[in-house]
Amino acid sequence: MKDEETGLAIASRLEKVTIGFDVEGDPITSLVALESEPPAEMTKDAKMKPNEQTMFSILHAAKRLSTSEWNERAREAGIGEKRKADLYDIRMKLKNKGLVTQLGEQWSVKHD
């Protein structure tokens, strides 16, 4: 949407409508976008688990961090101490949800 906040997820469906008739009496049709319920996977992905919220908050506060800086701050918050792969998994979940972006080793909050 042109005048709305960027990064919003909107569920819609297309519906065929008749907008008139041509000279031969055949219908002239178009498509309109109608609001619909989001798919279950869309609403599930929009929610963050507690560790994802913490990791997101760390990056949001800093605006931009390298992977190693983000890992270090996450460990200070108690994330990734038992399983180092947790840090990678959480970063990828945030990225896949469209909340953060990565450019090389630099991470930032998307649409902030």
PDB file of N, CA and C in Angstrom:
ATOM      1  N   MET A   1       0.836  -1.172   0.000  1.00  0.00           N
ATOM      2  CA  MET A   1       0.000   0.000   0.000  1.00  0.00           C
ATOM      3  C   MET A   1       0.880   1.233   0.000  1.00  0.00           C
ATOM      4  N   LYS A   2       0.534   2.149  -0.799  1.00  0.00           N
ATOM      5  CA  LYS A   2       1.347   3.334  -0.991  1.00  0.00           C
ATOM      6  C   LYS A   2       1.523   4.174   0.277  1.00  0.00           C
ATOM      7  N   ASP A   3       0.462   4.383   1.018  1.00  0.00           N
ATOM      8  CA  ASP A   3       0.515   5.309   2.147  1.00  0.00           C
ATOM      9  C   ASP A   3       0.568   4.629   3.507  1.00  0.00           C
ATOM     10  N   GLU A   4       0.798   3.339   3.538  1.00  0.00           N
ATOM     11  CA  GLU A   4       0.847   2.621   4.804  1.00  0.00           C
ATOM     12  C   GLU A   4       2.288   2.352   5.213  1.00  0.00           C
ATOM     13  N   GLU A   5       2.460   1.918   6.433  1.00  0.00           N
ATOM     14  CA  GLU A   5       3.765   1.545   6.967  1.00  0.00           C
ATOM     15  C   GLU A   5       4.356   0.416   6.120  1.00  0.00           C
ATOM     16  N   THR A   6       5.647   0.480   5.860  1.00  0.00           N
ATOM     17  CA  THR A   6       6.288  -0.575   5.078  1.00  0.00           C
ATOM     18  C   THR A   6       6.485  -1.814   5.932  1.00  0.00           C
ATOM     19  N   GLY A   7       6.556  -2.963   5.278  1.00  0.00           N
ATOM     20  CA  GLY A   7       6.833  -4.217   5.966  1.00  0.00           C
ATOM     21  C   GLY A   7       5.616  -4.924   6.522  1.00  0.00           C
ATOM     22  N   LEU A   8       4.419  -4.401   6.278  1.00  0.00           N
ATOM     23  CA  LEU A   8       3.215  -5.057   6.779  1.00  0.00           C
ATOM     24  C   LEU A   8       2.854  -6.239   5.895  1.00  0.00           C
ATOM     25  N   ALA A   9       2.387  -7.308   6.489  1.00  0.00           N
ATOM     26  CA  ALA A   9       1.909  -8.468   5.736  1.00  0.00           C
ATOM     27  C   ALA A   9       0.393  -8.370   5.638  1.00  0.00           C
ATOM     28  N   ILE A  10      -0.119  -8.450   4.432  1.00  0.00           N
ATOM     29  CA  ILE A  10      -1.550  -8.331   4.206  1.00  0.00           C
ATOM     30  C   ILE A  10      -2.010  -9.542   3.412  1.00  0.00           C
ATOM     31  N   ALA A  11      -3.049 -10.202   3.890  1.00  0.00           N
ATOM     32  CA  ALA A  11      -3.609 -11.350   3.183  1.00  0.00           C
ATOM     33  C   ALA A  11      -4.768 -10.871   2.323  1.00  0.00           C
ATOM     34  N   SER A  12      -4.780 -11.293   1.061  1.00  0.00           N
ATOM     35  CA  SER A  12      -5.855 -10.910   0.164  1.00  0.00           C
ATOM     36  C   SER A  12      -6.138 -12.037  -0.810  1.00  0.00           C
ATOM     37  N   ARG A  13      -7.273 -11.916  -1.477  1.00  0.00           N
ATOM     38  CA  ARG A  13      -7.627 -12.871  -2.516  1.00  0.00           C
ATOM     39  C   ARG A  13      -8.190 -12.081  -3.685  1.00  0.00           C
ATOM     40  N   LEU A  14      -8.109 -12.640  -4.882  1.00  0.00           N
ATOM     41  CA  LEU A  14      -8.637 -11.993  -6.069  1.00  0.00           C
ATOM     42  C   LEU A  14     -10.003 -12.568  -6.397  1.00  0.00           C
ATOM     43  N   GLU A  15     -10.905 -11.687  -6.793  1.00  0.00           N
ATOM     44  CA  GLU A  15     -12.241 -12.129  -7.197  1.00  0.00           C
ATOM     45  C   GLU A  15     -12.567 -11.497  -8.542  1.00  0.00           C
ATOM     46  N   LYS A  16     -13.082 -12.302  -9.462  1.00  0.00           N
ATOM     47  CA  LYS A  16     -13.460 -11.839 -10.799  1.00  0.00           C
ATOM     48  C   LYS A  16     -14.809 -11.135 -10.714  1.00  0.00           C
ATOM     49  N   VAL A  17     -14.895  -9.935 -11.302  1.00  0.00           N
ATOM     50  CA  VAL A  17     -16.137  -9.182 -11.322  1.00  0.00           C
ATOM     51  C   VAL A  17     -16.436  -8.718 -12.742  1.00  0.00           C
ATOM     52  N   THR A  18     -17.706  -8.606 -13.065  1.00  0.00           N
ATOM     53  CA  THR A  18     -18.131  -8.068 -14.359  1.00  0.00           C
ATOM     54  C   THR A  18     -18.268  -6.563 -14.196  1.00  0.00           C
ATOM     55  N   ILE A  19     -17.602  -5.814 -15.074  1.00  0.00           N
ATOM     56  CA  ILE A  19     -17.642  -4.351 -14.976  1.00  0.00           C
ATOM     57  C   ILE A  19     -18.450  -3.717 -16.108  1.00  0.00           C
ATOM     58  N   GLY A  20     -18.949  -4.535 -17.007  1.00  0.00           N
ATOM     59  CA  GLY A  20     -19.750  -4.024 -18.114  1.00  0.00           C
ATOM     60  C   GLY A  20     -19.858  -5.061 -19.216  1.00  0.00           C
ATOM     61  N   PHE A  21     -20.356  -4.613 -20.352  1.00  0.00           N
ATOM     62  CA  PHE A  21     -20.514  -5.511 -21.492  1.00  0.00           C
ATOM     63  C   PHE A  21     -20.010  -4.805 -22.743  1.00  0.00           C
ATOM     64  N   ASP A  22     -19.413  -5.563 -23.667  1.00  0.00           N
ATOM     65  CA  ASP A  22     -18.950  -4.981 -24.921  1.00  0.00           C
ATOM     66  C   ASP A  22     -20.126  -4.858 -25.892  1.00  0.00           C
ATOM     67  N   VAL A  23     -19.852  -4.351 -27.109  1.00  0.00           N
ATOM     68  CA  VAL A  23     -20.917  -4.094 -28.085  1.00  0.00           C
ATOM     69  C   VAL A  23     -21.624  -5.375 -28.512  1.00  0.00           C
ATOM     70  N   GLU A  24     -20.987  -6.503 -28.361  1.00  0.00           N
ATOM     71  CA  GLU A  24     -21.596  -7.780 -28.741  1.00  0.00           C
ATOM     72  C   GLU A  24     -22.330  -8.435 -27.566  1.00  0.00           C
ATOM     73  N   GLY A  25     -22.341  -7.777 -26.430  1.00  0.00           N
ATOM     74  CA  GLY A  25     -23.046  -8.309 -25.272  1.00  0.00           C
ATOM     75  C   GLY A  25     -22.221  -9.238 -24.398  1.00  0.00           C
ATOM     76  N   ASP A  26     -20.935  -9.412 -24.740  1.00  0.00           N
ATOM     77  CA  ASP A  26     -20.069 -10.260 -23.921  1.00  0.00           C
ATOM     78  C   ASP A  26     -19.606  -9.493 -22.681  1.00  0.00           C
ATOM     79  N   PRO A  27     -19.492 -10.184 -21.565  1.00  0.00           N
ATOM     80  CA  PRO A  27     -19.077  -9.480 -20.341  1.00  0.00           C
ATOM     81  C   PRO A  27     -17.628  -9.002 -20.407  1.00  0.00           C
ATOM     82  N   ILE A  28     -17.403  -7.836 -19.831  1.00  0.00           N
ATOM     83  CA  ILE A  28     -16.053  -7.300 -19.635  1.00  0.00           C
ATOM     84  C   ILE A  28     -15.751  -7.522 -18.159  1.00  0.00           C
ATOM     85  N   THR A  29     -14.682  -8.245 -17.871  1.00  0.00           N
ATOM     86  CA  THR A  29     -14.376  -8.590 -16.486  1.00  0.00           C
ATOM     87  C   THR A  29     -13.032  -8.030 -16.054  1.00  0.00           C
ATOM     88  N   SER A  30     -12.866  -7.947 -14.765  1.00  0.00           N
ATOM     89  CA  SER A  30     -11.610  -7.534 -14.153  1.00  0.00           C
ATOM     90  C   SER A  30     -11.470  -8.282 -12.842  1.00  0.00           C
ATOM     91  N   LEU A  31     -10.374  -8.056 -12.157  1.00  0.00           N
ATOM     92  CA  LEU A  31     -10.142  -8.660 -10.850  1.00  0.00           C
ATOM     93  C   LEU A  31     -10.088  -7.574  -9.791  1.00  0.00           C
ATOM     94  N   VAL A  32     -10.655  -7.871  -8.636  1.00  0.00           N
ATOM     95  CA  VAL A  32     -10.538  -6.968  -7.495  1.00  0.00           C
ATOM     96  C   VAL A  32      -9.872  -7.730  -6.359  1.00  0.00           C
ATOM     97  N   ALA A  33      -9.066  -7.025  -5.585  1.00  0.00           N
ATOM     98  CA  ALA A  33      -8.414  -7.629  -4.424  1.00  0.00           C
ATOM     99  C   ALA A  33      -9.307  -7.419  -3.217  1.00  0.00           C
ATOM    100  N   LEU A  34      -9.596  -8.506  -2.529  1.00  0.00           N
ATOM    101  CA  LEU A  34     -10.423  -8.462  -1.322  1.00  0.00           C
ATOM    102  C   LEU A  34      -9.619  -8.961  -0.135  1.00  0.00           C
ATOM    103  N   GLU A  35      -9.868  -8.371   1.009  1.00  0.00           N
ATOM    104  CA  GLU A  35      -9.180  -8.807   2.230  1.00  0.00           C
ATOM    105  C   GLU A  35      -9.633 -10.221   2.586  1.00  0.00           C
ATOM    106  N   SER A  36      -8.700 -11.017   3.075  1.00  0.00           N
ATOM    107  CA  SER A  36      -9.034 -12.372   3.502  1.00  0.00           C
ATOM    108  C   SER A  36      -8.252 -12.713   4.759  1.00  0.00           C
ATOM    109  N   GLU A  37      -8.589 -13.841   5.347  1.00  0.00           N
ATOM    110  CA  GLU A  37      -7.870 -14.321   6.527  1.00  0.00           C
ATOM    111  C   GLU A  37      -6.481 -14.787   6.108  1.00  0.00           C
ATOM    112  N   PRO A  38      -5.459 -14.445   6.875  1.00  0.00           N
ATOM    113  CA  PRO A  38      -4.122 -14.926   6.525  1.00  0.00           C
ATOM    114  C   PRO A  38      -4.031 -16.436   6.703  1.00  0.00           C
ATOM    115  N   PRO A  39      -3.212 -17.090   5.873  1.00  0.00           N
ATOM    116  CA  PRO A  39      -3.001 -18.528   6.061  1.00  0.00           C
ATOM    117  C   PRO A  39      -2.403 -18.794   7.437  1.00  0.00           C
ATOM    118  N   ALA A  40      -2.615 -19.989   7.955  1.00  0.00           N
ATOM    119  CA  ALA A  40      -2.124 -20.342   9.297  1.00  0.00           C
ATOM    120  C   ALA A  40      -0.631 -20.130   9.411  1.00  0.00           C
ATOM    121  N   GLU A  41       0.142 -20.487   8.374  1.00  0.00           N
ATOM    122  CA  GLU A  41       1.594 -20.336   8.466  1.00  0.00           C
ATOM    123  C   GLU A  41       2.004 -18.875   8.509  1.00  0.00           C
ATOM    124  N   MET A  42       1.204 -17.978   7.938  1.00  0.00           N
ATOM    125  CA  MET A  42       1.522 -16.559   7.950  1.00  0.00           C
ATOM    126  C   MET A  42       1.366 -15.984   9.360  1.00  0.00           C
ATOM    127  N   THR A  43       0.305 -16.320  10.050  1.00  0.00           N
ATOM    128  CA  THR A  43       0.104 -15.806  11.395  1.00  0.00           C
ATOM    129  C   THR A  43       1.085 -16.424  12.378  1.00  0.00           C
ATOM    130  N   LYS A  44       1.437 -17.701  12.159  1.00  0.00           N
ATOM    131  CA  LYS A  44       2.396 -18.373  13.043  1.00  0.00           C
ATOM    132  C   LYS A  44       3.770 -17.728  12.922  1.00  0.00           C
ATOM    133  N   ASP A  45       4.208 -17.442  11.695  1.00  0.00           N
ATOM    134  CA  ASP A  45       5.531 -16.884  11.474  1.00  0.00           C
ATOM    135  C   ASP A  45       5.664 -15.452  11.969  1.00  0.00           C
ATOM    136  N   ALA A  46       4.546 -14.741  12.057  1.00  0.00           N
ATOM    137  CA  ALA A  46       4.603 -13.353  12.478  1.00  0.00           C
ATOM    138  C   ALA A  46       4.957 -13.227  13.960  1.00  0.00           C
ATOM    139  N   LYS A  47       4.752 -14.268  14.726  1.00  0.00           N
ATOM    140  CA  LYS A  47       5.040 -14.225  16.156  1.00  0.00           C
ATOM    141  C   LYS A  47       6.493 -14.618  16.407  1.00  0.00           C
ATOM    142  N   MET A  48       7.090 -13.951  17.385  1.00  0.00           N
ATOM    143  CA  MET A  48       8.468 -14.274  17.746  1.00  0.00           C
ATOM    144  C   MET A  48       8.491 -14.995  19.081  1.00  0.00           C
ATOM    145  N   LYS A  49       9.365 -15.985  19.166  1.00  0.00           N
ATOM    146  CA  LYS A  49       9.600 -16.670  20.438  1.00  0.00           C
ATOM    147  C   LYS A  49      10.463 -15.759  21.307  1.00  0.00           C
ATOM    148  N   PRO A  50      10.532 -16.031  22.622  1.00  0.00           N
ATOM    149  CA  PRO A  50      11.284 -15.145  23.517  1.00  0.00           C
ATOM    150  C   PRO A  50      12.734 -14.880  23.085  1.00  0.00           C
ATOM    151  N   ASN A  51      13.482 -15.914  22.689  1.00  0.00           N
ATOM    152  CA  ASN A  51      14.866 -15.685  22.270  1.00  0.00           C
ATOM    153  C   ASN A  51      14.942 -14.875  20.977  1.00  0.00           C
ATOM    154  N   GLU A  52      13.969 -15.064  20.088  1.00  0.00           N
ATOM    155  CA  GLU A  52      13.923 -14.262  18.860  1.00  0.00           C
ATOM    156  C   GLU A  52      13.654 -12.802  19.214  1.00  0.00           C
ATOM    157  N   GLN A  53      12.755 -12.568  20.160  1.00  0.00           N
ATOM    158  CA  GLN A  53      12.461 -11.204  20.592  1.00  0.00           C
ATOM    159  C   GLN A  53      13.698 -10.536  21.175  1.00  0.00           C
ATOM    160  N   THR A  54      14.440 -11.288  21.976  1.00  0.00           N
ATOM    161  CA  THR A  54      15.660 -10.740  22.574  1.00  0.00           C
ATOM    162  C   THR A  54      16.692 -10.409  21.510  1.00  0.00           C
ATOM    163  N   MET A  55      16.916 -11.347  20.593  1.00  0.00           N
ATOM    164  CA  MET A  55      17.892 -11.107  19.516  1.00  0.00           C
ATOM    165  C   MET A  55      17.466  -9.909  18.663  1.00  0.00           C
ATOM    166  N   PHE A  56      16.180  -9.823  18.356  1.00  0.00           N
ATOM    167  CA  PHE A  56      15.676  -8.699  17.570  1.00  0.00           C
ATOM    168  C   PHE A  56      15.882  -7.389  18.331  1.00  0.00           C
ATOM    169  N   SER A  57      15.590  -7.381  19.626  1.00  0.00           N
ATOM    170  CA  SER A  57      15.757  -6.176  20.439  1.00  0.00           C
ATOM    171  C   SER A  57      17.211  -5.717  20.492  1.00  0.00           C
ATOM    172  N   ILE A  58      18.123  -6.672  20.574  1.00  0.00           N
ATOM    173  CA  ILE A  58      19.555  -6.341  20.594  1.00  0.00           C
ATOM    174  C   ILE A  58      19.940  -5.619  19.312  1.00  0.00           C
ATOM    175  N   LEU A  59      19.515  -6.165  18.180  1.00  0.00           N
ATOM    176  CA  LEU A  59      19.851  -5.550  16.889  1.00  0.00           C
ATOM    177  C   LEU A  59      19.126  -4.221  16.719  1.00  0.00           C
ATOM    178  N   HIS A  60      17.877  -4.165  17.126  1.00  0.00           N
ATOM    179  CA  HIS A  60      17.095  -2.930  16.999  1.00  0.00           C
ATOM    180  C   HIS A  60      17.756  -1.788  17.768  1.00  0.00           C
ATOM    181  N   ALA A  61      18.237  -2.079  18.956  1.00  0.00           N
ATOM    182  CA  ALA A  61      18.882  -1.052  19.779  1.00  0.00           C
ATOM    183  C   ALA A  61      20.177  -0.558  19.149  1.00  0.00           C
ATOM    184  N   ALA A  62      20.907  -1.465  18.519  1.00  0.00           N
ATOM    185  CA  ALA A  62      22.204  -1.107  17.937  1.00  0.00           C
ATOM    186  C   ALA A  62      22.072  -0.537  16.530  1.00  0.00           C
ATOM    187  N   LYS A  63      20.962  -0.820  15.844  1.00  0.00           N
ATOM    188  CA  LYS A  63      20.696  -0.434  14.456  1.00  0.00           C
ATOM    189  C   LYS A  63      21.455  -1.293  13.448  1.00  0.00           C
ATOM    190  N   ARG A  64      22.739  -1.572  13.700  1.00  0.00           N
ATOM    191  CA  ARG A  64      23.537  -2.400  12.795  1.00  0.00           C
ATOM    192  C   ARG A  64      24.641  -3.079  13.590  1.00  0.00           C
ATOM    193  N   LEU A  65      24.823  -4.387  13.342  1.00  0.00           N
ATOM    194  CA  LEU A  65      25.871  -5.156  14.028  1.00  0.00           C
ATOM    195  C   LEU A  65      26.463  -6.170  13.069  1.00  0.00           C
ATOM    196  N   SER A  66      27.728  -6.493  13.295  1.00  0.00           N
ATOM    197  CA  SER A  66      28.328  -7.615  12.568  1.00  0.00           C
ATOM    198  C   SER A  66      27.813  -8.903  13.208  1.00  0.00           C
ATOM    199  N   THR A  67      27.982 -10.008  12.517  1.00  0.00           N
ATOM    200  CA  THR A  67      27.549 -11.297  13.050  1.00  0.00           C
ATOM    201  C   THR A  67      28.218 -11.565  14.398  1.00  0.00           C
ATOM    202  N   SER A  68      29.522 -11.325  14.470  1.00  0.00           N
ATOM    203  CA  SER A  68      30.234 -11.613  15.728  1.00  0.00           C
ATOM    204  C   SER A  68      29.787 -10.679  16.853  1.00  0.00           C
ATOM    205  N   GLU A  69      29.521  -9.398  16.552  1.00  0.00           N
ATOM    206  CA  GLU A  69      29.040  -8.474  17.588  1.00  0.00           C
ATOM    207  C   GLU A  69      27.661  -8.901  18.089  1.00  0.00           C
ATOM    208  N   TRP A  70      26.802  -9.299  17.149  1.00  0.00           N
ATOM    209  CA  TRP A  70      25.444  -9.724  17.524  1.00  0.00           C
ATOM    210  C   TRP A  70      25.497 -10.991  18.371  1.00  0.00           C
ATOM    211  N   ASN A  71      26.370 -11.943  17.969  1.00  0.00           N
ATOM    212  CA  ASN A  71      26.547 -13.175  18.751  1.00  0.00           C
ATOM    213  C   ASN A  71      27.017 -12.859  20.161  1.00  0.00           C
ATOM    214  N   GLU A  72      27.990 -11.978  20.275  1.00  0.00           N
ATOM    215  CA  GLU A  72      28.549 -11.628  21.583  1.00  0.00           C
ATOM    216  C   GLU A  72      27.480 -11.022  22.492  1.00  0.00           C
ATOM    217  N   ARG A  73      26.707 -10.097  21.960  1.00  0.00           N
ATOM    218  CA  ARG A  73      25.659  -9.460  22.775  1.00  0.00           C
ATOM    219  C   ARG A  73      24.558 -10.457  23.134  1.00  0.00           C
ATOM    220  N   ALA A  74      24.264 -11.381  22.230  1.00  0.00           N
ATOM    221  CA  ALA A  74      23.254 -12.409  22.518  1.00  0.00           C
ATOM    222  C   ALA A  74      23.740 -13.328  23.638  1.00  0.00           C
ATOM    223  N   ARG A  75      25.023 -13.710  23.597  1.00  0.00           N
ATOM    224  CA  ARG A  75      25.571 -14.560  24.659  1.00  0.00           C
ATOM    225  C   ARG A  75      25.535 -13.844  26.003  1.00  0.00           C
ATOM    226  N   GLU A  76      25.783 -12.529  25.985  1.00  0.00           N
ATOM    227  CA  GLU A  76      25.697 -11.743  27.221  1.00  0.00           C
ATOM    228  C   GLU A  76      24.273 -11.778  27.781  1.00  0.00           C
ATOM    229  N   ALA A  77      23.290 -11.935  26.884  1.00  0.00           N
ATOM    230  CA  ALA A  77      21.882 -12.021  27.299  1.00  0.00           C
ATOM    231  C   ALA A  77      21.468 -13.456  27.624  1.00  0.00           C
ATOM    232  N   GLY A  78      22.415 -14.402  27.496  1.00  0.00           N
ATOM    233  CA  GLY A  78      22.147 -15.789  27.859  1.00  0.00           C
ATOM    234  C   GLY A  78      21.671 -16.671  26.720  1.00  0.00           C
ATOM    235  N   ILE A  79      21.779 -16.197  25.473  1.00  0.00           N
ATOM    236  CA  ILE A  79      21.344 -16.987  24.319  1.00  0.00           C
ATOM    237  C   ILE A  79      22.573 -17.610  23.654  1.00  0.00           C
ATOM    238  N   GLY A  80      22.477 -18.874  23.301  1.00  0.00           N
ATOM    239  CA  GLY A  80      23.557 -19.537  22.579  1.00  0.00           C
ATOM    240  C   GLY A  80      24.677 -20.052  23.446  1.00  0.00           C
ATOM    241  N   GLU A  81      24.475 -20.077  24.755  1.00  0.00           N
ATOM    242  CA  GLU A  81      25.520 -20.557  25.647  1.00  0.00           C
ATOM    243  C   GLU A  81      25.644 -22.077  25.616  1.00  0.00           C
ATOM    244  N   LYS A  82      24.524 -22.766  25.521  1.00  0.00           N
ATOM    245  CA  LYS A  82      24.545 -24.228  25.520  1.00  0.00           C
ATOM    246  C   LYS A  82      24.740 -24.793  24.125  1.00  0.00           C
ATOM    247  N   ARG A  83      24.148 -24.145  23.134  1.00  0.00           N
ATOM    248  CA  ARG A  83      24.212 -24.632  21.754  1.00  0.00           C
ATOM    249  C   ARG A  83      24.502 -23.443  20.845  1.00  0.00           C
ATOM    250  N   LYS A  84      25.712 -23.386  20.313  1.00  0.00           N
ATOM    251  CA  LYS A  84      26.116 -22.247  19.491  1.00  0.00           C
ATOM    252  C   LYS A  84      25.238 -22.078  18.257  1.00  0.00           C
ATOM    253  N   ALA A  85      24.721 -23.175  17.719  1.00  0.00           N
ATOM    254  CA  ALA A  85      23.886 -23.116  16.515  1.00  0.00           C
ATOM    255  C   ALA A  85      22.576 -22.375  16.755  1.00  0.00           C
ATOM    256  N   ASP A  86      22.174 -22.200  18.027  1.00  0.00           N
ATOM    257  CA  ASP A  86      20.961 -21.448  18.326  1.00  0.00           C
ATOM    258  C   ASP A  86      21.046 -20.034  17.760  1.00  0.00           C
ATOM    259  N   LEU A  87      22.216 -19.427  17.864  1.00  0.00           N
ATOM    260  CA  LEU A  87      22.390 -18.063  17.365  1.00  0.00           C
ATOM    261  C   LEU A  87      22.137 -18.002  15.858  1.00  0.00           C
ATOM    262  N   TYR A  88      22.709 -18.936  15.125  1.00  0.00           N
ATOM    263  CA  TYR A  88      22.491 -19.006  13.676  1.00  0.00           C
ATOM    264  C   TYR A  88      21.014 -19.249  13.376  1.00  0.00           C
ATOM    265  N   ASP A  89      20.413 -20.217  14.069  1.00  0.00           N
ATOM    266  CA  ASP A  89      19.006 -20.559  13.832  1.00  0.00           C
ATOM    267  C   ASP A  89      18.099 -19.357  14.064  1.00  0.00           C
ATOM    268  N   ILE A  90      18.335 -18.639  15.121  1.00  0.00           N
ATOM    269  CA  ILE A  90      17.492 -17.476  15.435  1.00  0.00           C
ATOM    270  C   ILE A  90      17.688 -16.385  14.391  1.00  0.00           C
ATOM    271  N   ARG A  91      18.930 -16.128  13.994  1.00  0.00           N
ATOM    272  CA  ARG A  91      19.176 -15.119  12.955  1.00  0.00           C
ATOM    273  C   ARG A  91      18.433 -15.478  11.669  1.00  0.00           C
ATOM    274  N   MET A  92      18.486 -16.750  11.282  1.00  0.00           N
ATOM    275  CA  MET A  92      17.821 -17.183  10.051  1.00  0.00           C
ATOM    276  C   MET A  92      16.298 -17.080  10.171  1.00  0.00           C
ATOM    277  N   LYS A  93      15.756 -17.369  11.344  1.00  0.00           N
ATOM    278  CA  LYS A  93      14.300 -17.231  11.543  1.00  0.00           C
ATOM    279  C   LYS A  93      13.885 -15.772  11.410  1.00  0.00           C
ATOM    280  N   LEU A  94      14.655 -14.868  12.010  1.00  0.00           N
ATOM    281  CA  LEU A  94      14.346 -13.444  11.904  1.00  0.00           C
ATOM    282  C   LEU A  94      14.470 -12.960  10.462  1.00  0.00           C
ATOM    283  N   LYS A  95      15.482 -13.466   9.774  1.00  0.00           N
ATOM    284  CA  LYS A  95      15.680 -13.096   8.362  1.00  0.00           C
ATOM    285  C   LYS A  95      14.535 -13.629   7.505  1.00  0.00           C
ATOM    286  N   ASN A  96      14.150 -14.887   7.714  1.00  0.00           N
ATOM    287  CA  ASN A  96      13.072 -15.497   6.940  1.00  0.00           C
ATOM    288  C   ASN A  96      11.722 -14.853   7.201  1.00  0.00           C
ATOM    289  N   LYS A  97      11.550 -14.274   8.375  1.00  0.00           N
ATOM    290  CA  LYS A  97      10.310 -13.565   8.700  1.00  0.00           C
ATOM    291  C   LYS A  97      10.322 -12.147   8.142  1.00  0.00           C
ATOM    292  N   GLY A  98      11.436 -11.762   7.539  1.00  0.00           N
ATOM    293  CA  GLY A  98      11.530 -10.434   6.945  1.00  0.00           C
ATOM    294  C   GLY A  98      11.751  -9.321   7.944  1.00  0.00           C
ATOM    295  N   LEU A  99      12.263  -9.656   9.123  1.00  0.00           N
ATOM    296  CA  LEU A  99      12.459  -8.660  10.173  1.00  0.00           C
ATOM    297  C   LEU A  99      13.848  -8.037  10.151  1.00  0.00           C
ATOM    298  N   VAL A 100      14.829  -8.783   9.645  1.00  0.00           N
ATOM    299  CA  VAL A 100      16.206  -8.289   9.599  1.00  0.00           C
ATOM    300  C   VAL A 100      16.783  -8.542   8.207  1.00  0.00           C
ATOM    301  N   THR A 101      17.796  -7.776   7.869  1.00  0.00           N
ATOM    302  CA  THR A 101      18.486  -7.963   6.598  1.00  0.00           C
ATOM    303  C   THR A 101      19.966  -8.180   6.857  1.00  0.00           C
ATOM    304  N   GLN A 102      20.589  -8.860   5.916  1.00  0.00           N
ATOM    305  CA  GLN A 102      22.016  -9.164   6.011  1.00  0.00           C
ATOM    306  C   GLN A 102      22.712  -8.687   4.755  1.00  0.00           C
ATOM    307  N   LEU A 103      23.808  -7.978   4.942  1.00  0.00           N
ATOM    308  CA  LEU A 103      24.667  -7.569   3.842  1.00  0.00           C
ATOM    309  C   LEU A 103      26.081  -7.968   4.231  1.00  0.00           C
ATOM    310  N   GLY A 104      26.536  -9.092   3.687  1.00  0.00           N
ATOM    311  CA  GLY A 104      27.824  -9.643   4.093  1.00  0.00           C
ATOM    312  C   GLY A 104      27.758 -10.076   5.542  1.00  0.00           C
ATOM    313  N   GLU A 105      28.623  -9.510   6.359  1.00  0.00           N
ATOM    314  CA  GLU A 105      28.640  -9.832   7.791  1.00  0.00           C
ATOM    315  C   GLU A 105      27.845  -8.826   8.621  1.00  0.00           C
ATOM    316  N   GLN A 106      27.233  -7.852   7.968  1.00  0.00           N
ATOM    317  CA  GLN A 106      26.480  -6.818   8.681  1.00  0.00           C
ATOM    318  C   GLN A 106      24.988  -7.131   8.683  1.00  0.00           C
ATOM    319  N   TRP A 107      24.366  -6.930   9.833  1.00  0.00           N
ATOM    320  CA  TRP A 107      22.935  -7.161  10.025  1.00  0.00           C
ATOM    321  C   TRP A 107      22.272  -5.866  10.445  1.00  0.00           C
ATOM    322  N   SER A 108      21.041  -5.657   9.999  1.00  0.00           N
ATOM    323  CA  SER A 108      20.271  -4.490  10.435  1.00  0.00           C
ATOM    324  C   SER A 108      18.792  -4.864  10.466  1.00  0.00           C
ATOM    325  N   VAL A 109      18.033  -4.048  11.176  1.00  0.00           N
ATOM    326  CA  VAL A 109      16.583  -4.253  11.268  1.00  0.00           C
ATOM    327  C   VAL A 109      15.976  -3.763   9.965  1.00  0.00           C
ATOM    328  N   LYS A 110      15.094  -4.570   9.400  1.00  0.00           N
ATOM    329  CA  LYS A 110      14.462  -4.217   8.141  1.00  0.00           C
ATOM    330  C   LYS A 110      13.350  -3.205   8.381  1.00  0.00           C
ATOM    331  N   HIS A 111      13.253  -2.195   7.541  1.00  0.00           N
ATOM    332  CA  HIS A 111      12.201  -1.186   7.577  1.00  0.00           C
ATOM    333  C   HIS A 111      12.153  -0.445   8.886  1.00  0.00           C
ATOM    334  N   ASP A 112      13.259  -0.148   9.451  1.00  0.00           N
ATOM    335  CA  ASP A 112      13.288   0.584  10.712  1.00  0.00           C
ATOM    336  C   ASP A 112      13.484   2.059  10.466  1.00  0.00           C
TER     337      ASP A 112
END
